[in-house]
Amino acid sequence: FAFIGVAVTSATTVIFGEPIWDPTVLLGKMGGGLSVIISLFALTIATLSTNIAANVVSPANAMINVAPRKVTFQIGGYITAGLGIAIFPWKLLEDPNGYIFTWLIGVSALLGPVGAILIADYFLVRRTELDLNGLYQKKGPYFYRGGFNPAAVIAFCLSLVPTFPGFAHQAKLVDSVPPIFDTMYTYAWFVGFAVAGVMYAILMRVIPQRASEPAPAAATAEE
C-alpha cells in the first residue's frame, strides 16, 4: 500500500503538475463515465475490507474485554464504527499539515511509550521468562492492583510530559512554547519510547509488587 501510494502520488506530479495524494481528488481529474464508477467501487471495497480485517478486530475485542457478558464482537464492531465517525476523520484529512503533525505524531507519542513498556517488561524485568498460566489468572503475578500495573501507568504518564507542550502548540491550544518542546514533539515516538522504557524499568524495582498466588495449569484449562 505504501509503495502504490508513493508511486501514484509521484505519477500525478508528472501528469498533472502537482502531487495528489487523495484518491477521490485524483478520480475527479481522470474524467467521468464508467471508469470513475468502477474506480469508486474498488475504492469502497478496499476501504471496507481493510478496515474490517485490520482496524476493527483489535478495538472490537477491546470492547468485549470491557464487558464480555454484554458486548459481542458485532456490538464491539458497531461501537468502533461509531467512534470512528465521531472523531470526524474527514476533518483530519482536510489539512495535510494537521493530519501529519497533529494526528499522526500525536498518536505516535502514545504508541511509543506503550511499546517501550512492553519491551522493557519482557526483556529487562522478566528476562524473557513469563508465567503463561499466570497471564490468565486474577490472582496471578500480572494482575497487580485491580488489574493495573502502577509502574506502567506512572511511566506512561511521565513519558507524555516532555512531548505534551509541543502537541499543545501544534494543536493551537497554546500560542507558543520554548523551541525545545517543539523539537521533542517532532521526535515524540523516540522521546516517549526512551522515557517510558527507562522509567518503567526503574519503577518496577522501586514500587513493591503485590504478592500473588501461583496460577495452576488446571485452572487455566477449565476456564
N, C-alpha and C. Protein backbone atom coordinates (compact mmCIF):
# COMPACT_ATOMS: atom_id res chain seq x y z
N PHE A 1 0.83 -1.20 0.00
CA PHE A 1 0.00 0.00 0.00
C PHE A 1 0.87 1.26 0.00
N ALA A 2 1.92 1.26 0.80
CA ALA A 2 2.79 2.43 0.88
C ALA A 2 3.47 2.69 -0.47
N PHE A 3 3.95 1.60 -1.11
CA PHE A 3 4.64 1.76 -2.40
C PHE A 3 3.68 2.30 -3.45
N ILE A 4 2.46 1.74 -3.50
CA ILE A 4 1.49 2.19 -4.50
C ILE A 4 1.13 3.65 -4.26
N GLY A 5 0.94 4.02 -2.99
CA GLY A 5 0.61 5.40 -2.68
C GLY A 5 1.68 6.37 -3.12
N VAL A 6 2.94 6.03 -2.84
CA VAL A 6 4.05 6.89 -3.24
C VAL A 6 4.19 6.94 -4.75
N ALA A 7 4.04 5.77 -5.41
CA ALA A 7 4.19 5.71 -6.86
C ALA A 7 3.10 6.52 -7.57
N VAL A 8 1.85 6.37 -7.12
CA VAL A 8 0.75 7.10 -7.76
C VAL A 8 0.88 8.59 -7.52
N THR A 9 1.22 8.98 -6.29
CA THR A 9 1.39 10.41 -5.98
C THR A 9 2.51 11.01 -6.81
N SER A 10 3.60 10.27 -6.99
CA SER A 10 4.71 10.75 -7.82
C SER A 10 4.28 10.88 -9.27
N ALA A 11 3.46 9.93 -9.73
CA ALA A 11 2.98 9.98 -11.12
C ALA A 11 2.08 11.19 -11.35
N THR A 12 1.26 11.55 -10.36
CA THR A 12 0.39 12.71 -10.52
C THR A 12 1.19 14.00 -10.63
N THR A 13 2.36 14.04 -10.02
CA THR A 13 3.21 15.23 -10.14
C THR A 13 3.66 15.43 -11.58
N VAL A 14 3.95 14.32 -12.25
CA VAL A 14 4.40 14.39 -13.65
C VAL A 14 3.22 14.68 -14.58
N ILE A 15 2.09 14.03 -14.32
CA ILE A 15 0.94 14.14 -15.24
C ILE A 15 0.18 15.44 -15.06
N PHE A 16 -0.12 15.79 -13.80
CA PHE A 16 -0.97 16.95 -13.53
C PHE A 16 -0.20 18.16 -13.01
N GLY A 17 1.10 18.00 -12.77
CA GLY A 17 1.89 19.13 -12.32
C GLY A 17 1.82 19.41 -10.84
N GLU A 18 1.15 18.55 -10.08
CA GLU A 18 1.06 18.72 -8.63
C GLU A 18 0.85 17.35 -7.98
N PRO A 19 1.37 17.16 -6.77
CA PRO A 19 1.16 15.87 -6.10
C PRO A 19 -0.27 15.76 -5.58
N ILE A 20 -0.93 14.67 -5.93
CA ILE A 20 -2.31 14.43 -5.47
C ILE A 20 -2.31 13.12 -4.69
N TRP A 21 -2.53 13.21 -3.40
CA TRP A 21 -2.50 12.01 -2.56
C TRP A 21 -3.89 11.53 -2.19
N ASP A 22 -4.91 12.34 -2.45
CA ASP A 22 -6.30 11.97 -2.14
C ASP A 22 -6.89 11.22 -3.34
N PRO A 23 -7.28 9.94 -3.19
CA PRO A 23 -7.81 9.18 -4.32
C PRO A 23 -9.06 9.80 -4.93
N THR A 24 -9.92 10.40 -4.11
CA THR A 24 -11.15 10.98 -4.64
C THR A 24 -10.85 12.20 -5.52
N VAL A 25 -9.87 12.99 -5.13
CA VAL A 25 -9.47 14.14 -5.95
C VAL A 25 -8.85 13.67 -7.26
N LEU A 26 -8.05 12.62 -7.18
CA LEU A 26 -7.42 12.08 -8.39
C LEU A 26 -8.46 11.54 -9.36
N LEU A 27 -9.48 10.86 -8.83
CA LEU A 27 -10.54 10.34 -9.70
C LEU A 27 -11.29 11.47 -10.38
N GLY A 28 -11.44 12.60 -9.70
CA GLY A 28 -12.12 13.73 -10.31
C GLY A 28 -11.37 14.32 -11.48
N LYS A 29 -10.06 14.13 -11.52
CA LYS A 29 -9.25 14.65 -12.62
C LYS A 29 -9.10 13.67 -13.77
N MET A 30 -9.62 12.45 -13.58
CA MET A 30 -9.47 11.43 -14.62
C MET A 30 -10.64 11.40 -15.59
N GLY A 31 -11.58 12.33 -15.46
CA GLY A 31 -12.72 12.32 -16.35
C GLY A 31 -13.91 11.63 -15.71
N GLY A 32 -14.96 11.41 -16.48
CA GLY A 32 -16.16 10.77 -15.95
C GLY A 32 -16.42 9.45 -16.64
N GLY A 33 -17.66 8.97 -16.45
CA GLY A 33 -18.05 7.75 -17.11
C GLY A 33 -17.84 6.50 -16.29
N LEU A 34 -17.82 5.38 -16.99
CA LEU A 34 -17.76 4.07 -16.35
C LEU A 34 -16.47 3.87 -15.56
N SER A 35 -15.36 4.43 -16.03
CA SER A 35 -14.08 4.22 -15.34
C SER A 35 -14.10 4.80 -13.93
N VAL A 36 -14.74 5.95 -13.76
CA VAL A 36 -14.83 6.56 -12.43
C VAL A 36 -15.72 5.73 -11.52
N ILE A 37 -16.82 5.22 -12.04
CA ILE A 37 -17.73 4.40 -11.24
C ILE A 37 -17.02 3.14 -10.76
N ILE A 38 -16.31 2.48 -11.67
CA ILE A 38 -15.57 1.27 -11.30
C ILE A 38 -14.49 1.59 -10.27
N SER A 39 -13.80 2.70 -10.46
CA SER A 39 -12.73 3.08 -9.53
C SER A 39 -13.28 3.39 -8.14
N LEU A 40 -14.41 4.09 -8.08
CA LEU A 40 -15.02 4.40 -6.79
C LEU A 40 -15.51 3.13 -6.10
N PHE A 41 -16.04 2.19 -6.87
CA PHE A 41 -16.48 0.92 -6.29
C PHE A 41 -15.29 0.16 -5.72
N ALA A 42 -14.18 0.12 -6.48
CA ALA A 42 -12.98 -0.56 -6.00
C ALA A 42 -12.43 0.13 -4.75
N LEU A 43 -12.48 1.47 -4.72
CA LEU A 43 -12.00 2.21 -3.55
C LEU A 43 -12.85 1.91 -2.32
N THR A 44 -14.17 1.80 -2.53
CA THR A 44 -15.07 1.48 -1.42
C THR A 44 -14.80 0.09 -0.87
N ILE A 45 -14.64 -0.88 -1.76
CA ILE A 45 -14.36 -2.26 -1.33
C ILE A 45 -13.02 -2.32 -0.60
N ALA A 46 -12.01 -1.63 -1.13
CA ALA A 46 -10.69 -1.64 -0.49
C ALA A 46 -10.74 -1.02 0.90
N THR A 47 -11.49 0.07 1.04
CA THR A 47 -11.61 0.73 2.35
C THR A 47 -12.32 -0.16 3.35
N LEU A 48 -13.44 -0.75 2.94
CA LEU A 48 -14.21 -1.60 3.85
C LEU A 48 -13.43 -2.85 4.24
N SER A 49 -12.82 -3.51 3.26
CA SER A 49 -12.11 -4.75 3.56
C SER A 49 -10.91 -4.51 4.45
N THR A 50 -10.19 -3.41 4.22
CA THR A 50 -9.03 -3.10 5.05
C THR A 50 -9.44 -2.79 6.48
N ASN A 51 -10.48 -1.99 6.64
CA ASN A 51 -10.91 -1.63 7.99
C ASN A 51 -11.50 -2.80 8.75
N ILE A 52 -12.31 -3.62 8.08
CA ILE A 52 -12.92 -4.76 8.76
C ILE A 52 -11.87 -5.79 9.16
N ALA A 53 -10.92 -6.04 8.28
CA ALA A 53 -9.92 -7.08 8.55
C ALA A 53 -8.82 -6.61 9.50
N ALA A 54 -8.45 -5.34 9.42
CA ALA A 54 -7.28 -4.88 10.17
C ALA A 54 -7.62 -3.94 11.32
N ASN A 55 -8.51 -2.98 11.09
CA ASN A 55 -8.70 -1.91 12.06
C ASN A 55 -9.87 -2.12 13.02
N VAL A 56 -10.78 -3.02 12.71
CA VAL A 56 -11.95 -3.21 13.57
C VAL A 56 -11.71 -4.32 14.59
N VAL A 57 -10.93 -5.32 14.23
CA VAL A 57 -10.77 -6.51 15.08
C VAL A 57 -10.22 -6.15 16.45
N SER A 58 -9.14 -5.40 16.50
CA SER A 58 -8.50 -5.09 17.78
C SER A 58 -9.39 -4.27 18.71
N PRO A 59 -9.94 -3.12 18.27
CA PRO A 59 -10.81 -2.36 19.18
C PRO A 59 -12.10 -3.09 19.53
N ALA A 60 -12.63 -3.91 18.62
CA ALA A 60 -13.84 -4.68 18.94
C ALA A 60 -13.55 -5.67 20.05
N ASN A 61 -12.40 -6.33 19.99
CA ASN A 61 -12.01 -7.24 21.08
C ASN A 61 -11.78 -6.49 22.38
N ALA A 62 -11.26 -5.26 22.29
CA ALA A 62 -11.07 -4.45 23.49
C ALA A 62 -12.41 -4.11 24.13
N MET A 63 -13.41 -3.82 23.31
CA MET A 63 -14.76 -3.55 23.83
C MET A 63 -15.33 -4.78 24.52
N ILE A 64 -15.06 -5.95 23.95
CA ILE A 64 -15.55 -7.20 24.56
C ILE A 64 -14.92 -7.39 25.93
N ASN A 65 -13.64 -7.08 26.06
CA ASN A 65 -12.96 -7.24 27.35
C ASN A 65 -13.51 -6.32 28.42
N VAL A 66 -14.07 -5.18 28.01
CA VAL A 66 -14.65 -4.25 28.99
C VAL A 66 -15.90 -4.85 29.63
N ALA A 67 -16.74 -5.46 28.82
CA ALA A 67 -17.98 -6.07 29.34
C ALA A 67 -18.27 -7.34 28.54
N PRO A 68 -17.55 -8.41 28.82
CA PRO A 68 -17.67 -9.63 27.99
C PRO A 68 -19.05 -10.26 27.99
N ARG A 69 -19.83 -10.05 29.03
CA ARG A 69 -21.17 -10.65 29.08
C ARG A 69 -22.21 -9.85 28.29
N LYS A 70 -21.91 -8.60 28.01
CA LYS A 70 -22.89 -7.74 27.34
C LYS A 70 -22.48 -7.37 25.92
N VAL A 71 -21.19 -7.34 25.66
CA VAL A 71 -20.70 -6.89 24.36
C VAL A 71 -20.22 -8.08 23.54
N THR A 72 -20.82 -8.26 22.38
CA THR A 72 -20.36 -9.28 21.44
C THR A 72 -19.40 -8.64 20.44
N PHE A 73 -18.80 -9.47 19.59
CA PHE A 73 -17.90 -8.92 18.59
C PHE A 73 -18.64 -7.98 17.64
N GLN A 74 -19.88 -8.33 17.32
CA GLN A 74 -20.67 -7.48 16.42
C GLN A 74 -20.94 -6.12 17.06
N ILE A 75 -21.34 -6.13 18.32
CA ILE A 75 -21.61 -4.87 19.02
C ILE A 75 -20.31 -4.06 19.14
N GLY A 76 -19.21 -4.74 19.46
CA GLY A 76 -17.92 -4.06 19.54
C GLY A 76 -17.54 -3.41 18.22
N GLY A 77 -17.86 -4.09 17.11
CA GLY A 77 -17.60 -3.52 15.80
C GLY A 77 -18.43 -2.29 15.53
N TYR A 78 -19.71 -2.33 15.96
CA TYR A 78 -20.58 -1.16 15.79
C TYR A 78 -20.09 0.02 16.62
N ILE A 79 -19.65 -0.26 17.85
CA ILE A 79 -19.13 0.81 18.71
C ILE A 79 -17.88 1.43 18.07
N THR A 80 -17.01 0.57 17.55
CA THR A 80 -15.80 1.06 16.89
C THR A 80 -16.14 1.93 15.69
N ALA A 81 -17.11 1.48 14.89
CA ALA A 81 -17.52 2.26 13.72
C ALA A 81 -18.09 3.61 14.15
N GLY A 82 -18.88 3.60 15.23
CA GLY A 82 -19.46 4.85 15.72
C GLY A 82 -18.39 5.82 16.20
N LEU A 83 -17.40 5.30 16.92
CA LEU A 83 -16.31 6.16 17.39
C LEU A 83 -15.49 6.68 16.21
N GLY A 84 -15.32 5.82 15.19
CA GLY A 84 -14.57 6.25 14.01
C GLY A 84 -15.23 7.42 13.30
N ILE A 85 -16.56 7.41 13.28
CA ILE A 85 -17.29 8.53 12.66
C ILE A 85 -17.28 9.75 13.58
N ALA A 86 -17.35 9.50 14.89
CA ALA A 86 -17.44 10.60 15.86
C ALA A 86 -16.20 11.48 15.90
N ILE A 87 -15.04 10.95 15.51
CA ILE A 87 -13.81 11.76 15.54
C ILE A 87 -13.66 12.61 14.27
N PHE A 88 -14.67 12.56 13.38
CA PHE A 88 -14.66 13.36 12.16
C PHE A 88 -13.37 13.16 11.36
N PRO A 89 -13.13 11.95 10.83
CA PRO A 89 -11.88 11.70 10.11
C PRO A 89 -11.70 12.59 8.88
N TRP A 90 -12.79 13.04 8.28
CA TRP A 90 -12.66 13.91 7.12
C TRP A 90 -12.07 15.27 7.51
N LYS A 91 -12.25 15.66 8.77
CA LYS A 91 -11.62 16.90 9.23
C LYS A 91 -10.11 16.71 9.40
N LEU A 92 -9.72 15.48 9.80
CA LEU A 92 -8.29 15.20 9.94
C LEU A 92 -7.58 15.26 8.59
N LEU A 93 -8.28 14.77 7.55
CA LEU A 93 -7.68 14.73 6.22
C LEU A 93 -7.81 16.07 5.49
N GLU A 94 -8.57 16.98 6.05
CA GLU A 94 -8.80 18.26 5.40
C GLU A 94 -7.51 19.07 5.26
N ASP A 95 -6.66 18.97 6.26
CA ASP A 95 -5.39 19.70 6.26
C ASP A 95 -4.24 18.71 6.41
N PRO A 96 -3.46 18.49 5.35
CA PRO A 96 -2.34 17.52 5.45
C PRO A 96 -1.38 17.85 6.58
N ASN A 97 -1.13 19.14 6.81
CA ASN A 97 -0.21 19.53 7.88
C ASN A 97 -0.76 19.12 9.24
N GLY A 98 -2.04 19.36 9.47
CA GLY A 98 -2.65 18.97 10.73
C GLY A 98 -2.73 17.46 10.87
N TYR A 99 -3.00 16.78 9.77
CA TYR A 99 -3.10 15.31 9.81
C TYR A 99 -1.78 14.67 10.20
N ILE A 100 -0.69 15.18 9.63
CA ILE A 100 0.62 14.58 9.88
C ILE A 100 1.18 15.01 11.24
N PHE A 101 1.20 16.33 11.47
CA PHE A 101 1.92 16.85 12.64
C PHE A 101 1.07 16.88 13.91
N THR A 102 -0.24 16.87 13.76
CA THR A 102 -1.09 16.85 14.95
C THR A 102 -1.58 15.44 15.24
N TRP A 103 -2.18 14.80 14.25
CA TRP A 103 -2.79 13.49 14.48
C TRP A 103 -1.76 12.37 14.52
N LEU A 104 -0.99 12.20 13.45
CA LEU A 104 -0.07 11.07 13.38
C LEU A 104 1.04 11.15 14.43
N ILE A 105 1.66 12.30 14.57
CA ILE A 105 2.71 12.43 15.58
C ILE A 105 2.11 12.36 16.97
N GLY A 106 0.90 12.90 17.14
CA GLY A 106 0.23 12.80 18.44
C GLY A 106 -0.03 11.36 18.84
N VAL A 107 -0.47 10.56 17.89
CA VAL A 107 -0.70 9.14 18.17
C VAL A 107 0.63 8.43 18.46
N SER A 108 1.67 8.80 17.72
CA SER A 108 2.97 8.16 17.95
C SER A 108 3.49 8.48 19.35
N ALA A 109 3.12 9.64 19.90
CA ALA A 109 3.53 9.99 21.26
C ALA A 109 2.90 9.07 22.29
N LEU A 110 1.77 8.44 21.92
CA LEU A 110 1.11 7.47 22.81
C LEU A 110 1.61 6.05 22.57
N LEU A 111 1.86 5.72 21.31
CA LEU A 111 2.25 4.34 20.98
C LEU A 111 3.70 4.04 21.36
N GLY A 112 4.58 5.02 21.25
CA GLY A 112 5.98 4.80 21.62
C GLY A 112 6.14 4.34 23.06
N PRO A 113 5.54 5.04 24.03
CA PRO A 113 5.63 4.60 25.42
C PRO A 113 5.04 3.22 25.67
N VAL A 114 3.93 2.91 25.00
CA VAL A 114 3.32 1.59 25.18
C VAL A 114 4.28 0.50 24.73
N GLY A 115 4.89 0.69 23.55
CA GLY A 115 5.85 -0.29 23.06
C GLY A 115 7.06 -0.42 23.97
N ALA A 116 7.53 0.71 24.51
CA ALA A 116 8.69 0.68 25.40
C ALA A 116 8.39 -0.09 26.68
N ILE A 117 7.20 0.11 27.23
CA ILE A 117 6.82 -0.59 28.46
C ILE A 117 6.74 -2.09 28.22
N LEU A 118 6.17 -2.50 27.10
CA LEU A 118 6.07 -3.92 26.79
C LEU A 118 7.46 -4.55 26.62
N ILE A 119 8.32 -3.86 25.88
CA ILE A 119 9.67 -4.39 25.64
C ILE A 119 10.49 -4.41 26.92
N ALA A 120 10.42 -3.32 27.70
CA ALA A 120 11.18 -3.27 28.95
C ALA A 120 10.71 -4.34 29.92
N ASP A 121 9.40 -4.56 29.96
CA ASP A 121 8.88 -5.57 30.88
C ASP A 121 9.36 -6.96 30.50
N TYR A 122 9.34 -7.26 29.21
CA TYR A 122 9.69 -8.61 28.76
C TYR A 122 11.20 -8.87 28.85
N PHE A 123 12.00 -7.90 28.40
CA PHE A 123 13.44 -8.15 28.32
C PHE A 123 14.20 -7.73 29.58
N LEU A 124 13.83 -6.61 30.19
CA LEU A 124 14.59 -6.11 31.33
C LEU A 124 14.06 -6.60 32.67
N VAL A 125 12.73 -6.63 32.80
CA VAL A 125 12.13 -7.02 34.08
C VAL A 125 11.96 -8.53 34.17
N ARG A 126 11.35 -9.13 33.15
CA ARG A 126 11.07 -10.58 33.19
C ARG A 126 12.23 -11.43 32.68
N ARG A 127 13.18 -10.81 32.02
CA ARG A 127 14.31 -11.55 31.45
C ARG A 127 13.83 -12.65 30.49
N THR A 128 12.83 -12.31 29.67
CA THR A 128 12.23 -13.17 28.64
C THR A 128 11.55 -14.41 29.22
N GLU A 129 11.22 -14.40 30.51
CA GLU A 129 10.53 -15.54 31.11
C GLU A 129 9.16 -15.10 31.61
N LEU A 130 8.11 -15.80 31.15
CA LEU A 130 6.74 -15.47 31.53
C LEU A 130 6.04 -16.69 32.11
N ASP A 131 5.16 -16.45 33.06
CA ASP A 131 4.28 -17.49 33.59
C ASP A 131 3.02 -17.47 32.73
N LEU A 132 2.96 -18.36 31.74
CA LEU A 132 1.85 -18.32 30.78
C LEU A 132 0.51 -18.53 31.46
N ASN A 133 0.45 -19.42 32.42
CA ASN A 133 -0.81 -19.63 33.13
C ASN A 133 -1.21 -18.38 33.92
N GLY A 134 -0.22 -17.70 34.48
CA GLY A 134 -0.50 -16.52 35.27
C GLY A 134 -1.07 -15.37 34.47
N LEU A 135 -0.86 -15.37 33.16
CA LEU A 135 -1.40 -14.31 32.32
C LEU A 135 -2.93 -14.28 32.33
N TYR A 136 -3.54 -15.42 32.66
CA TYR A 136 -5.00 -15.53 32.58
C TYR A 136 -5.65 -15.67 33.95
N GLN A 137 -4.92 -15.35 35.00
CA GLN A 137 -5.44 -15.51 36.35
C GLN A 137 -5.51 -14.17 37.08
N LYS A 138 -6.63 -13.91 37.74
CA LYS A 138 -6.76 -12.68 38.51
C LYS A 138 -5.84 -12.66 39.72
N LYS A 139 -5.50 -13.84 40.21
CA LYS A 139 -4.59 -13.92 41.35
C LYS A 139 -3.16 -14.24 40.89
N GLY A 140 -2.92 -14.12 39.60
CA GLY A 140 -1.61 -14.41 39.06
C GLY A 140 -0.63 -13.27 39.26
N PRO A 141 0.58 -13.44 38.80
CA PRO A 141 1.64 -12.44 39.04
C PRO A 141 1.51 -11.16 38.22
N TYR A 142 0.58 -11.13 37.26
CA TYR A 142 0.48 -9.97 36.38
C TYR A 142 -0.80 -9.18 36.58
N PHE A 143 -1.56 -9.49 37.62
CA PHE A 143 -2.81 -8.76 37.85
C PHE A 143 -2.55 -7.45 38.61
N TYR A 144 -1.47 -7.41 39.35
CA TYR A 144 -1.03 -6.21 40.07
C TYR A 144 -2.13 -5.69 41.00
N ARG A 145 -2.53 -4.42 40.85
CA ARG A 145 -3.53 -3.82 41.73
C ARG A 145 -4.81 -3.55 40.94
N GLY A 146 -5.77 -4.43 41.12
CA GLY A 146 -7.03 -4.27 40.41
C GLY A 146 -6.90 -4.41 38.91
N GLY A 147 -5.88 -5.09 38.44
CA GLY A 147 -5.68 -5.27 37.01
C GLY A 147 -4.81 -4.20 36.37
N PHE A 148 -4.32 -3.26 37.17
CA PHE A 148 -3.48 -2.19 36.64
C PHE A 148 -2.10 -2.24 37.29
N ASN A 149 -1.08 -2.07 36.48
CA ASN A 149 0.29 -2.03 36.98
C ASN A 149 0.66 -0.57 37.25
N PRO A 150 0.79 -0.17 38.52
CA PRO A 150 1.10 1.23 38.83
C PRO A 150 2.36 1.73 38.14
N ALA A 151 3.38 0.89 38.06
CA ALA A 151 4.63 1.30 37.42
C ALA A 151 4.40 1.64 35.95
N ALA A 152 3.59 0.84 35.27
CA ALA A 152 3.32 1.09 33.85
C ALA A 152 2.52 2.38 33.66
N VAL A 153 1.52 2.59 34.52
CA VAL A 153 0.69 3.80 34.41
C VAL A 153 1.53 5.05 34.66
N ILE A 154 2.35 5.01 35.70
CA ILE A 154 3.19 6.17 36.03
C ILE A 154 4.21 6.43 34.92
N ALA A 155 4.85 5.37 34.44
CA ALA A 155 5.85 5.53 33.37
C ALA A 155 5.21 6.11 32.11
N PHE A 156 4.01 5.64 31.80
CA PHE A 156 3.31 6.15 30.61
C PHE A 156 3.00 7.64 30.77
N CYS A 157 2.48 8.03 31.93
CA CYS A 157 2.15 9.44 32.16
C CYS A 157 3.40 10.32 32.12
N LEU A 158 4.49 9.85 32.72
CA LEU A 158 5.72 10.63 32.71
C LEU A 158 6.28 10.80 31.30
N SER A 159 6.06 9.80 30.45
CA SER A 159 6.58 9.87 29.08
C SER A 159 5.88 10.94 28.25
N LEU A 160 4.69 11.34 28.67
CA LEU A 160 3.94 12.36 27.93
C LEU A 160 4.35 13.78 28.32
N VAL A 161 5.03 13.92 29.46
CA VAL A 161 5.39 15.25 29.96
C VAL A 161 6.26 16.02 28.97
N PRO A 162 7.34 15.45 28.42
CA PRO A 162 8.20 16.24 27.52
C PRO A 162 7.58 16.53 26.16
N THR A 163 6.59 15.76 25.73
CA THR A 163 6.03 15.95 24.39
C THR A 163 4.70 16.69 24.39
N PHE A 164 4.02 16.74 25.52
CA PHE A 164 2.69 17.37 25.53
C PHE A 164 2.74 18.86 25.21
N PRO A 165 3.71 19.65 25.72
CA PRO A 165 3.74 21.07 25.34
C PRO A 165 3.84 21.27 23.83
N GLY A 166 4.65 20.46 23.16
CA GLY A 166 4.76 20.57 21.71
C GLY A 166 3.46 20.22 21.02
N PHE A 167 2.76 19.20 21.54
CA PHE A 167 1.45 18.84 20.97
C PHE A 167 0.46 19.98 21.16
N ALA A 168 0.45 20.57 22.36
CA ALA A 168 -0.48 21.67 22.63
C ALA A 168 -0.22 22.84 21.69
N HIS A 169 1.05 23.09 21.39
CA HIS A 169 1.39 24.18 20.46
C HIS A 169 0.95 23.84 19.05
N GLN A 170 1.20 22.59 18.62
CA GLN A 170 0.83 22.18 17.27
C GLN A 170 -0.68 22.18 17.09
N ALA A 171 -1.41 21.79 18.14
CA ALA A 171 -2.88 21.75 18.08
C ALA A 171 -3.50 23.12 18.34
N LYS A 172 -2.65 24.14 18.51
CA LYS A 172 -3.09 25.52 18.73
C LYS A 172 -3.86 25.68 20.04
N LEU A 173 -3.51 24.86 21.03
CA LEU A 173 -4.10 25.02 22.36
C LEU A 173 -3.39 26.13 23.13
N VAL A 174 -2.13 26.38 22.79
CA VAL A 174 -1.37 27.48 23.38
C VAL A 174 -0.69 28.25 22.25
N ASP A 175 -0.36 29.49 22.51
CA ASP A 175 0.22 30.34 21.46
C ASP A 175 1.68 30.00 21.17
N SER A 176 2.45 29.71 22.20
CA SER A 176 3.87 29.43 21.98
C SER A 176 4.43 28.61 23.13
N VAL A 177 5.50 27.89 22.83
CA VAL A 177 6.24 27.12 23.83
C VAL A 177 7.72 27.26 23.50
N PRO A 178 8.61 26.99 24.44
CA PRO A 178 10.04 27.02 24.13
C PRO A 178 10.37 26.08 22.97
N PRO A 179 11.28 26.46 22.09
CA PRO A 179 11.60 25.65 20.90
C PRO A 179 11.98 24.21 21.21
N ILE A 180 12.56 23.96 22.38
CA ILE A 180 12.98 22.60 22.72
C ILE A 180 11.79 21.65 22.75
N PHE A 181 10.61 22.15 23.17
CA PHE A 181 9.43 21.30 23.23
C PHE A 181 8.91 20.97 21.83
N ASP A 182 9.00 21.93 20.91
CA ASP A 182 8.62 21.64 19.53
C ASP A 182 9.53 20.58 18.92
N THR A 183 10.81 20.67 19.24
CA THR A 183 11.77 19.69 18.73
C THR A 183 11.48 18.30 19.30
N MET A 184 11.24 18.22 20.59
CA MET A 184 10.94 16.93 21.21
C MET A 184 9.64 16.35 20.67
N TYR A 185 8.67 17.21 20.37
CA TYR A 185 7.41 16.71 19.83
C TYR A 185 7.60 16.14 18.43
N THR A 186 8.49 16.74 17.65
CA THR A 186 8.77 16.21 16.31
C THR A 186 9.25 14.77 16.38
N TYR A 187 10.00 14.45 17.43
CA TYR A 187 10.51 13.08 17.63
C TYR A 187 9.77 12.42 18.80
N ALA A 188 8.46 12.63 18.85
CA ALA A 188 7.66 12.19 20.00
C ALA A 188 7.75 10.69 20.25
N TRP A 189 7.76 9.90 19.19
CA TRP A 189 7.80 8.44 19.38
C TRP A 189 9.09 8.04 20.09
N PHE A 190 10.21 8.57 19.64
CA PHE A 190 11.50 8.21 20.21
C PHE A 190 11.65 8.75 21.63
N VAL A 191 11.20 9.98 21.85
CA VAL A 191 11.29 10.56 23.20
C VAL A 191 10.42 9.77 24.17
N GLY A 192 9.17 9.50 23.77
CA GLY A 192 8.28 8.74 24.64
C GLY A 192 8.78 7.34 24.89
N PHE A 193 9.33 6.71 23.86
CA PHE A 193 9.87 5.36 24.00
C PHE A 193 11.00 5.33 25.02
N ALA A 194 11.93 6.28 24.91
CA ALA A 194 13.08 6.30 25.81
C ALA A 194 12.67 6.58 27.25
N VAL A 195 11.83 7.60 27.44
CA VAL A 195 11.42 7.97 28.80
C VAL A 195 10.61 6.85 29.45
N ALA A 196 9.64 6.30 28.73
CA ALA A 196 8.80 5.26 29.31
C ALA A 196 9.60 4.00 29.63
N GLY A 197 10.49 3.60 28.72
CA GLY A 197 11.27 2.40 28.95
C GLY A 197 12.17 2.50 30.17
N VAL A 198 12.86 3.63 30.29
CA VAL A 198 13.77 3.82 31.44
C VAL A 198 12.99 3.93 32.74
N MET A 199 11.93 4.74 32.74
CA MET A 199 11.16 4.94 33.96
C MET A 199 10.47 3.65 34.40
N TYR A 200 9.98 2.87 33.45
CA TYR A 200 9.31 1.62 33.83
C TYR A 200 10.29 0.65 34.47
N ALA A 201 11.47 0.52 33.89
CA ALA A 201 12.48 -0.38 34.45
C ALA A 201 12.87 0.04 35.86
N ILE A 202 12.96 1.36 36.10
CA ILE A 202 13.31 1.85 37.43
C ILE A 202 12.16 1.64 38.41
N LEU A 203 10.94 2.00 37.99
CA LEU A 203 9.79 1.92 38.88
C LEU A 203 9.46 0.48 39.27
N MET A 204 9.71 -0.46 38.38
CA MET A 204 9.43 -1.86 38.72
C MET A 204 10.36 -2.35 39.82
N ARG A 205 11.49 -1.69 39.99
CA ARG A 205 12.40 -2.04 41.08
C ARG A 205 12.07 -1.28 42.36
N VAL A 206 11.45 -0.11 42.20
CA VAL A 206 11.17 0.75 43.36
C VAL A 206 9.82 0.42 43.99
N ILE A 207 8.79 0.25 43.15
CA ILE A 207 7.44 0.00 43.67
C ILE A 207 7.31 -1.46 44.07
N PRO A 208 6.95 -1.74 45.32
CA PRO A 208 6.80 -3.14 45.74
C PRO A 208 5.65 -3.80 45.01
N GLN A 209 5.87 -5.02 44.53
CA GLN A 209 4.85 -5.75 43.79
C GLN A 209 3.99 -6.57 44.73
N ARG A 210 2.71 -6.67 44.38
CA ARG A 210 1.78 -7.42 45.20
C ARG A 210 2.13 -8.90 45.19
N ALA A 211 2.11 -9.51 46.35
CA ALA A 211 2.33 -10.96 46.42
C ALA A 211 1.17 -11.67 45.76
N SER A 212 1.45 -12.64 44.92
CA SER A 212 0.40 -13.32 44.16
C SER A 212 0.53 -14.82 44.33
N GLU A 213 -0.60 -15.47 44.10
CA GLU A 213 -0.63 -16.91 44.19
C GLU A 213 -0.22 -17.51 42.86
N PRO A 214 0.45 -18.65 42.85
CA PRO A 214 0.81 -19.29 41.59
C PRO A 214 -0.44 -19.71 40.84
N ALA A 215 -0.40 -19.61 39.54
CA ALA A 215 -1.55 -19.96 38.71
C ALA A 215 -1.46 -21.41 38.28
N PRO A 216 -2.34 -22.28 38.78
CA PRO A 216 -2.28 -23.68 38.40
C PRO A 216 -2.71 -23.89 36.97
N ALA A 217 -2.07 -24.85 36.31
CA ALA A 217 -2.39 -25.13 34.91
C ALA A 217 -3.81 -25.63 34.76
N ALA A 218 -4.31 -26.38 35.73
CA ALA A 218 -5.65 -26.95 35.65
C ALA A 218 -6.70 -25.86 35.61
N ALA A 219 -6.47 -24.79 36.39
CA ALA A 219 -7.45 -23.71 36.44
C ALA A 219 -7.56 -23.03 35.09
N THR A 220 -6.43 -22.85 34.42
CA THR A 220 -6.45 -22.24 33.09
C THR A 220 -7.18 -23.12 32.10
N ALA A 221 -6.97 -24.41 32.19
CA ALA A 221 -7.62 -25.34 31.26
C ALA A 221 -9.13 -25.32 31.45
N GLU A 222 -9.58 -25.21 32.73
CA GLU A 222 -11.01 -25.21 32.98
C GLU A 222 -11.67 -23.95 32.44
N GLU A 223 -10.95 -22.80 32.53
CA GLU A 223 -11.53 -21.56 32.05
C GLU A 223 -11.51 -21.48 30.53
